[in-house]
Amino acid sequence: MYERMIARTRRRMRMTVLTLAGSKGGCGKSTLGRAMSALLAREGASFAVVDADPNKALSRWLTAIYEGPEITHCAEANEDRLAHLIAELRDQHDLVLVDTAGFENLGSSVAIASADAVLIPCKASEADLYEARTTATKVKSLSVTTRRTIPAWVILNSVRTTAVAAHAAEQIKEAGLERLSASLGHRADYEAVSHTGKMPTSGAAFREVTDLIAELRAKDAMPAVRVTA
């Protein structure tokens, strides 16, 4: 019995809630959700997706368009039910990936407060950088409220040129925000995924998302795939 208890404890320690957050629509949360979900499913990872965006873009994609291994997913925008749903799925999977609305609402706050880490996608425009700072400030406030550290990282999305990316990276640094080394380029493949349901298995987009997942795992923000006998 003691060994089973230890095993359950170790399993709980591996469970992670990763929330995709941003107070501006169009910053790339659903793009990230689609790409990461498709690759994680292909790996055979134990994870679930929660779509907390009232628009349900990610949920609609998973239900009607996605082609690949089955992914457990739920759409829940109600903040009261959302908190319980995330907790329930966290007990059943190694990872819960939560997509949020492109504006501030109670559901987004619940998703951030429930998170073990937050990923903030950000394009290179001034408006996106401003909203990334707003979201990061919200994460810090909820860290104080929940009395625990909730790490948050900005990831540059839809990068068009090296010069623009460098400028945006410098702006993120000057704002005191932490940025991931991984980034997503402005690529037709990401748009195609939203229509075809198929994530590429090679090429630049595939490498970018693979690098992102590897970096998050290195930061203990995402569990590695468990090998079962």
C-alpha atoms as a PDB file:
ATOM      1  CA  MET A   1       0.000   0.000   0.000  1.00  0.00           C
ATOM      2  CA  TYR A   2       2.841   2.371   0.861  1.00  0.00           C
ATOM      3  CA  GLU A   3       4.487   1.748  -2.526  1.00  0.00           C
ATOM      4  CA  ARG A   4       1.205   2.465  -4.311  1.00  0.00           C
ATOM      5  CA  MET A   5       0.861   5.712  -2.378  1.00  0.00           C
ATOM      6  CA  ILE A   6       4.385   6.769  -3.367  1.00  0.00           C
ATOM      7  CA  ALA A   7       3.641   5.918  -7.003  1.00  0.00           C
ATOM      8  CA  ARG A   8       0.490   8.021  -6.932  1.00  0.00           C
ATOM      9  CA  THR A   9       2.406  10.903  -5.363  1.00  0.00           C
ATOM     10  CA  ARG A  10       5.098  10.748  -8.054  1.00  0.00           C
ATOM     11  CA  ARG A  11       2.441  10.665 -10.742  1.00  0.00           C
ATOM     12  CA  ARG A  12       0.781  13.786  -9.323  1.00  0.00           C
ATOM     13  CA  MET A  13       4.123  15.593  -9.300  1.00  0.00           C
ATOM     14  CA  ARG A  14       4.428  15.032 -13.050  1.00  0.00           C
ATOM     15  CA  MET A  15       1.054  16.565 -13.814  1.00  0.00           C
ATOM     16  CA  THR A  16       1.144  20.028 -15.264  1.00  0.00           C
ATOM     17  CA  VAL A  17      -1.375  22.658 -16.313  1.00  0.00           C
ATOM     18  CA  LEU A  18      -0.046  24.878 -19.100  1.00  0.00           C
ATOM     19  CA  THR A  19      -2.247  27.865 -19.927  1.00  0.00           C
ATOM     20  CA  LEU A  20      -2.063  29.825 -23.182  1.00  0.00           C
ATOM     21  CA  ALA A  21      -3.007  33.379 -22.278  1.00  0.00           C
ATOM     22  CA  GLY A  22      -3.212  36.782 -23.903  1.00  0.00           C
ATOM     23  CA  SER A  23      -5.551  39.727 -23.546  1.00  0.00           C
ATOM     24  CA  LYS A  24      -5.493  40.449 -27.288  1.00  0.00           C
ATOM     25  CA  GLY A  25      -7.224  38.418 -29.952  1.00  0.00           C
ATOM     26  CA  GLY A  26      -5.149  37.157 -32.861  1.00  0.00           C
ATOM     27  CA  CYS A  27      -1.885  36.803 -30.948  1.00  0.00           C
ATOM     28  CA  GLY A  28      -1.668  33.092 -31.749  1.00  0.00           C
ATOM     29  CA  LYS A  29      -3.073  31.140 -28.795  1.00  0.00           C
ATOM     30  CA  SER A  30      -5.212  28.851 -30.930  1.00  0.00           C
ATOM     31  CA  THR A  31      -2.393  28.443 -33.453  1.00  0.00           C
ATOM     32  CA  LEU A  32      -0.135  27.252 -30.653  1.00  0.00           C
ATOM     33  CA  GLY A  33      -2.876  25.050 -29.244  1.00  0.00           C
ATOM     34  CA  ARG A  34      -3.455  23.320 -32.561  1.00  0.00           C
ATOM     35  CA  ALA A  35       0.218  22.768 -33.365  1.00  0.00           C
ATOM     36  CA  MET A  36       1.231  21.610 -29.889  1.00  0.00           C
ATOM     37  CA  SER A  37      -1.783  19.317 -29.551  1.00  0.00           C
ATOM     38  CA  ALA A  38      -1.118  17.624 -32.882  1.00  0.00           C
ATOM     39  CA  LEU A  39       2.542  16.949 -32.072  1.00  0.00           C
ATOM     40  CA  LEU A  40       1.866  15.786 -28.516  1.00  0.00           C
ATOM     41  CA  ALA A  41      -0.813  13.385 -29.763  1.00  0.00           C
ATOM     42  CA  ARG A  42       1.590  11.985 -32.322  1.00  0.00           C
ATOM     43  CA  GLU A  43       4.109  11.394 -29.533  1.00  0.00           C
ATOM     44  CA  GLY A  44       1.527   9.496 -27.515  1.00  0.00           C
ATOM     45  CA  ALA A  45       1.634  11.983 -24.625  1.00  0.00           C
ATOM     46  CA  SER A  46      -0.944  11.788 -21.837  1.00  0.00           C
ATOM     47  CA  PHE A  47      -2.701  15.135 -22.105  1.00  0.00           C
ATOM     48  CA  ALA A  48      -6.053  16.870 -22.411  1.00  0.00           C
ATOM     49  CA  VAL A  49      -7.076  20.163 -23.997  1.00  0.00           C
ATOM     50  CA  VAL A  50      -9.500  22.616 -22.423  1.00  0.00           C
ATOM     51  CA  ASP A  51     -10.893  25.416 -24.577  1.00  0.00           C
ATOM     52  CA  ALA A  52     -11.946  28.232 -22.236  1.00  0.00           C
ATOM     53  CA  ASP A  53     -12.481  30.712 -25.083  1.00  0.00           C
ATOM     54  CA  PRO A  54     -16.200  31.481 -25.631  1.00  0.00           C
ATOM     55  CA  ASN A  55     -15.485  31.448 -29.384  1.00  0.00           C
ATOM     56  CA  LYS A  56     -14.434  27.773 -29.102  1.00  0.00           C
ATOM     57  CA  ALA A  57     -12.062  27.975 -32.075  1.00  0.00           C
ATOM     58  CA  LEU A  58      -9.708  25.281 -30.775  1.00  0.00           C
ATOM     59  CA  SER A  59     -12.570  23.029 -29.709  1.00  0.00           C
ATOM     60  CA  ARG A  60     -14.245  23.316 -33.115  1.00  0.00           C
ATOM     61  CA  TRP A  61     -10.965  22.418 -34.783  1.00  0.00           C
ATOM     62  CA  LEU A  62     -10.455  19.362 -32.578  1.00  0.00           C
ATOM     63  CA  THR A  63     -14.036  18.227 -33.114  1.00  0.00           C
ATOM     64  CA  ALA A  64     -14.525  18.770 -36.830  1.00  0.00           C
ATOM     65  CA  ILE A  65     -11.194  19.310 -38.603  1.00  0.00           C
ATOM     66  CA  TYR A  66      -8.285  17.677 -36.742  1.00  0.00           C
ATOM     67  CA  GLU A  67      -6.902  14.485 -38.275  1.00  0.00           C
ATOM     68  CA  GLY A  68      -4.664  12.428 -36.041  1.00  0.00           C
ATOM     69  CA  PRO A  69      -4.569  10.338 -32.860  1.00  0.00           C
ATOM     70  CA  GLU A  70      -7.492  10.944 -30.529  1.00  0.00           C
ATOM     71  CA  ILE A  71      -7.193  13.922 -28.171  1.00  0.00           C
ATOM     72  CA  THR A  72      -9.268  14.336 -25.014  1.00  0.00           C
ATOM     73  CA  HIS A  73     -10.759  17.821 -25.180  1.00  0.00           C
ATOM     74  CA  CYS A  74     -13.505  19.895 -23.573  1.00  0.00           C
ATOM     75  CA  ALA A  75     -14.931  23.363 -24.134  1.00  0.00           C
ATOM     76  CA  GLU A  76     -15.838  25.262 -20.974  1.00  0.00           C
ATOM     77  CA  ALA A  77     -16.100  29.039 -20.716  1.00  0.00           C
ATOM     78  CA  ASN A  78     -17.957  29.204 -17.400  1.00  0.00           C
ATOM     79  CA  GLU A  79     -15.369  30.164 -14.776  1.00  0.00           C
ATOM     80  CA  ASP A  80     -16.941  28.124 -11.956  1.00  0.00           C
ATOM     81  CA  ARG A  81     -17.145  24.892 -13.929  1.00  0.00           C
ATOM     82  CA  LEU A  82     -13.766  25.585 -15.549  1.00  0.00           C
ATOM     83  CA  ALA A  83     -11.871  25.440 -12.267  1.00  0.00           C
ATOM     84  CA  HIS A  84     -13.335  22.028 -11.423  1.00  0.00           C
ATOM     85  CA  LEU A  85     -12.820  20.693 -14.955  1.00  0.00           C
ATOM     86  CA  ILE A  86      -9.126  21.605 -14.979  1.00  0.00           C
ATOM     87  CA  ALA A  87      -8.641  19.996 -11.566  1.00  0.00           C
ATOM     88  CA  GLU A  88     -10.427  16.840 -12.689  1.00  0.00           C
ATOM     89  CA  LEU A  89      -8.443  16.478 -15.909  1.00  0.00           C
ATOM     90  CA  ARG A  90      -5.209  17.192 -14.053  1.00  0.00           C
ATOM     91  CA  ASP A  91      -5.811  14.059 -11.999  1.00  0.00           C
ATOM     92  CA  GLN A  92      -6.272  12.000 -15.156  1.00  0.00           C
ATOM     93  CA  HIS A  93      -3.486  13.249 -17.431  1.00  0.00           C
ATOM     94  CA  ASP A  94       0.148  14.297 -17.255  1.00  0.00           C
ATOM     95  CA  LEU A  95      -0.633  17.594 -18.973  1.00  0.00           C
ATOM     96  CA  VAL A  96      -3.657  19.847 -19.320  1.00  0.00           C
ATOM     97  CA  LEU A  97      -3.327  22.452 -22.069  1.00  0.00           C
ATOM     98  CA  VAL A  98      -5.750  25.355 -21.590  1.00  0.00           C
ATOM     99  CA  ASP A  99      -6.625  27.875 -24.295  1.00  0.00           C
ATOM    100  CA  THR A 100      -8.188  31.153 -23.142  1.00  0.00           C
ATOM    101  CA  ALA A 101     -10.173  34.054 -24.559  1.00  0.00           C
ATOM    102  CA  GLY A 102      -8.528  36.861 -26.512  1.00  0.00           C
ATOM    103  CA  PHE A 103      -9.699  39.337 -23.904  1.00  0.00           C
ATOM    104  CA  GLU A 104      -9.654  39.564 -20.134  1.00  0.00           C
ATOM    105  CA  ASN A 105     -12.454  37.674 -18.410  1.00  0.00           C
ATOM    106  CA  LEU A 106     -12.961  35.596 -15.281  1.00  0.00           C
ATOM    107  CA  GLY A 107     -12.375  32.381 -17.203  1.00  0.00           C
ATOM    108  CA  SER A 108      -8.902  33.530 -18.219  1.00  0.00           C
ATOM    109  CA  SER A 109      -8.098  34.432 -14.630  1.00  0.00           C
ATOM    110  CA  VAL A 110      -9.242  30.998 -13.454  1.00  0.00           C
ATOM    111  CA  ALA A 111      -7.123  29.311 -16.126  1.00  0.00           C
ATOM    112  CA  ILE A 112      -4.050  31.316 -15.112  1.00  0.00           C
ATOM    113  CA  ALA A 113      -4.642  30.741 -11.385  1.00  0.00           C
ATOM    114  CA  SER A 114      -4.950  26.994 -12.085  1.00  0.00           C
ATOM    115  CA  ALA A 115      -1.757  26.907 -14.136  1.00  0.00           C
ATOM    116  CA  ASP A 116       1.672  25.579 -13.285  1.00  0.00           C
ATOM    117  CA  ALA A 117       3.023  27.742 -16.112  1.00  0.00           C
ATOM    118  CA  VAL A 118       1.682  30.285 -18.588  1.00  0.00           C
ATOM    119  CA  LEU A 119       2.666  30.797 -22.209  1.00  0.00           C
ATOM    120  CA  ILE A 120       2.000  34.237 -23.710  1.00  0.00           C
ATOM    121  CA  PRO A 121       2.137  34.306 -27.531  1.00  0.00           C
ATOM    122  CA  CYS A 122       3.057  37.707 -28.908  1.00  0.00           C
ATOM    123  CA  LYS A 123       3.462  39.160 -32.376  1.00  0.00           C
ATOM    124  CA  ALA A 124       5.941  41.931 -33.070  1.00  0.00           C
ATOM    125  CA  SER A 125       3.492  44.852 -33.163  1.00  0.00           C
ATOM    126  CA  GLU A 126       3.385  47.529 -30.462  1.00  0.00           C
ATOM    127  CA  ALA A 127      -0.195  46.530 -29.614  1.00  0.00           C
ATOM    128  CA  ASP A 128       0.791  42.896 -29.085  1.00  0.00           C
ATOM    129  CA  LEU A 129       3.784  43.849 -26.948  1.00  0.00           C
ATOM    130  CA  TYR A 130       1.560  46.092 -24.819  1.00  0.00           C
ATOM    131  CA  GLU A 131      -0.980  43.307 -24.285  1.00  0.00           C
ATOM    132  CA  ALA A 132       1.791  40.807 -23.491  1.00  0.00           C
ATOM    133  CA  ARG A 133       2.910  43.097 -20.665  1.00  0.00           C
ATOM    134  CA  THR A 134      -0.707  43.333 -19.481  1.00  0.00           C
ATOM    135  CA  THR A 135      -1.041  39.553 -19.419  1.00  0.00           C
ATOM    136  CA  ALA A 136       2.286  39.105 -17.625  1.00  0.00           C
ATOM    137  CA  THR A 137       1.158  41.603 -14.974  1.00  0.00           C
ATOM    138  CA  LYS A 138      -2.065  39.583 -14.539  1.00  0.00           C
ATOM    139  CA  VAL A 139      -0.021  36.417 -14.022  1.00  0.00           C
ATOM    140  CA  LYS A 140       2.091  38.123 -11.338  1.00  0.00           C
ATOM    141  CA  SER A 141      -1.036  39.382  -9.565  1.00  0.00           C
ATOM    142  CA  LEU A 142      -2.578  35.915  -9.551  1.00  0.00           C
ATOM    143  CA  SER A 143       0.705  34.479  -8.273  1.00  0.00           C
ATOM    144  CA  VAL A 144       0.316  36.756  -5.259  1.00  0.00           C
ATOM    145  CA  THR A 145      -3.336  35.788  -4.872  1.00  0.00           C
ATOM    146  CA  THR A 146      -2.630  32.055  -5.012  1.00  0.00           C
ATOM    147  CA  ARG A 147       0.532  32.414  -2.879  1.00  0.00           C
ATOM    148  CA  ARG A 148       2.719  30.499  -5.308  1.00  0.00           C
ATOM    149  CA  THR A 149       4.949  31.285  -8.226  1.00  0.00           C
ATOM    150  CA  ILE A 150       3.362  30.901 -11.654  1.00  0.00           C
ATOM    151  CA  PRO A 151       6.130  31.196 -14.250  1.00  0.00           C
ATOM    152  CA  ALA A 152       5.201  32.922 -17.495  1.00  0.00           C
ATOM    153  CA  TRP A 153       7.092  33.146 -20.760  1.00  0.00           C
ATOM    154  CA  VAL A 154       6.486  35.176 -23.884  1.00  0.00           C
ATOM    155  CA  ILE A 155       6.860  33.376 -27.204  1.00  0.00           C
ATOM    156  CA  LEU A 156       7.229  35.390 -30.390  1.00  0.00           C
ATOM    157  CA  ASN A 157       4.673  34.331 -32.966  1.00  0.00           C
ATOM    158  CA  SER A 158       4.249  34.982 -36.684  1.00  0.00           C
ATOM    159  CA  VAL A 159       7.815  36.302 -37.003  1.00  0.00           C
ATOM    160  CA  ARG A 160       8.417  37.658 -40.506  1.00  0.00           C
ATOM    161  CA  THR A 161      12.064  38.798 -40.521  1.00  0.00           C
ATOM    162  CA  THR A 162      15.139  38.439 -38.347  1.00  0.00           C
ATOM    163  CA  ALA A 163      15.379  42.216 -37.873  1.00  0.00           C
ATOM    164  CA  VAL A 164      11.769  42.500 -36.684  1.00  0.00           C
ATOM    165  CA  ALA A 165      12.231  39.526 -34.362  1.00  0.00           C
ATOM    166  CA  ALA A 166      15.358  41.070 -32.871  1.00  0.00           C
ATOM    167  CA  HIS A 167      13.571  44.371 -32.261  1.00  0.00           C
ATOM    168  CA  ALA A 168      10.596  42.634 -30.644  1.00  0.00           C
ATOM    169  CA  ALA A 169      12.908  40.526 -28.484  1.00  0.00           C
ATOM    170  CA  GLU A 170      14.662  43.669 -27.272  1.00  0.00           C
ATOM    171  CA  GLN A 171      11.319  45.302 -26.457  1.00  0.00           C
ATOM    172  CA  ILE A 172      10.265  42.227 -24.482  1.00  0.00           C
ATOM    173  CA  LYS A 173      13.545  42.320 -22.565  1.00  0.00           C
ATOM    174  CA  GLU A 174      13.199  46.032 -21.802  1.00  0.00           C
ATOM    175  CA  ALA A 175       9.690  45.363 -20.476  1.00  0.00           C
ATOM    176  CA  GLY A 176      11.155  42.939 -17.956  1.00  0.00           C
ATOM    177  CA  LEU A 177       9.443  39.907 -19.471  1.00  0.00           C
ATOM    178  CA  GLU A 178      10.939  36.454 -19.877  1.00  0.00           C
ATOM    179  CA  ARG A 179      11.031  35.176 -23.447  1.00  0.00           C
ATOM    180  CA  LEU A 180      11.468  31.680 -24.787  1.00  0.00           C
ATOM    181  CA  SER A 181      14.268  31.028 -27.253  1.00  0.00           C
ATOM    182  CA  ALA A 182      11.792  29.163 -29.460  1.00  0.00           C
ATOM    183  CA  SER A 183       9.572  31.187 -31.783  1.00  0.00           C
ATOM    184  CA  LEU A 184       7.043  30.611 -34.545  1.00  0.00           C
ATOM    185  CA  GLY A 185       7.509  32.110 -37.986  1.00  0.00           C
ATOM    186  CA  HIS A 186       4.899  33.619 -40.270  1.00  0.00           C
ATOM    187  CA  ARG A 187       4.248  30.423 -42.233  1.00  0.00           C
ATOM    188  CA  ALA A 188       1.498  29.133 -44.477  1.00  0.00           C
ATOM    189  CA  ASP A 189       1.763  25.747 -42.760  1.00  0.00           C
ATOM    190  CA  TYR A 190       0.198  27.088 -39.561  1.00  0.00           C
ATOM    191  CA  GLU A 191      -2.744  28.520 -41.465  1.00  0.00           C
ATOM    192  CA  ALA A 192      -3.097  25.292 -43.433  1.00  0.00           C
ATOM    193  CA  VAL A 193      -3.344  23.273 -40.226  1.00  0.00           C
ATOM    194  CA  SER A 194      -6.481  25.201 -39.267  1.00  0.00           C
ATOM    195  CA  HIS A 195      -8.154  24.022 -42.479  1.00  0.00           C
ATOM    196  CA  THR A 196      -6.688  20.567 -43.081  1.00  0.00           C
ATOM    197  CA  GLY A 197      -6.300  19.282 -39.523  1.00  0.00           C
ATOM    198  CA  LYS A 198      -2.848  17.928 -40.330  1.00  0.00           C
ATOM    199  CA  MET A 199       0.348  19.179 -38.682  1.00  0.00           C
ATOM    200  CA  PRO A 200       3.432  18.831 -40.910  1.00  0.00           C
ATOM    201  CA  THR A 201       5.858  16.052 -40.004  1.00  0.00           C
ATOM    202  CA  SER A 202       8.871  17.905 -41.379  1.00  0.00           C
ATOM    203  CA  GLY A 203       9.943  21.372 -42.409  1.00  0.00           C
ATOM    204  CA  ALA A 204      10.328  24.688 -40.595  1.00  0.00           C
ATOM    205  CA  ALA A 205       6.954  24.727 -38.814  1.00  0.00           C
ATOM    206  CA  PHE A 206       7.475  21.211 -37.498  1.00  0.00           C
ATOM    207  CA  ARG A 207      10.946  22.110 -36.204  1.00  0.00           C
ATOM    208  CA  GLU A 208       9.664  25.278 -34.533  1.00  0.00           C
ATOM    209  CA  VAL A 209       6.944  23.503 -32.576  1.00  0.00           C
ATOM    210  CA  THR A 210       9.270  20.611 -31.736  1.00  0.00           C
ATOM    211  CA  ASP A 211      11.818  23.119 -30.379  1.00  0.00           C
ATOM    212  CA  LEU A 212       9.089  24.849 -28.365  1.00  0.00           C
ATOM    213  CA  ILE A 213       7.968  21.620 -26.716  1.00  0.00           C
ATOM    214  CA  ALA A 214      11.586  20.651 -25.989  1.00  0.00           C
ATOM    215  CA  GLU A 215      12.269  24.033 -24.368  1.00  0.00           C
ATOM    216  CA  LEU A 216       9.144  23.830 -22.213  1.00  0.00           C
ATOM    217  CA  ARG A 217      10.174  20.363 -21.087  1.00  0.00           C
ATOM    218  CA  ALA A 218      13.631  21.637 -20.214  1.00  0.00           C
ATOM    219  CA  LYS A 219      11.933  24.229 -18.008  1.00  0.00           C
ATOM    220  CA  ASP A 220       9.738  21.548 -16.362  1.00  0.00           C
ATOM    221  CA  ALA A 221       6.680  23.312 -17.775  1.00  0.00           C
ATOM    222  CA  MET A 222       5.683  20.215 -19.716  1.00  0.00           C
ATOM    223  CA  PRO A 223       6.223  16.550 -18.790  1.00  0.00           C
ATOM    224  CA  ALA A 224       8.163  14.229 -21.027  1.00  0.00           C
ATOM    225  CA  VAL A 225       6.371  11.343 -22.692  1.00  0.00           C
ATOM    226  CA  ARG A 226       6.217   8.398 -20.321  1.00  0.00           C
ATOM    227  CA  VAL A 227       7.491   5.136 -21.757  1.00  0.00           C
ATOM    228  CA  THR A 228       5.202   2.266 -20.796  1.00  0.00           C
ATOM    229  CA  ALA A 229       6.305  -1.332 -20.767  1.00  0.00           C
END
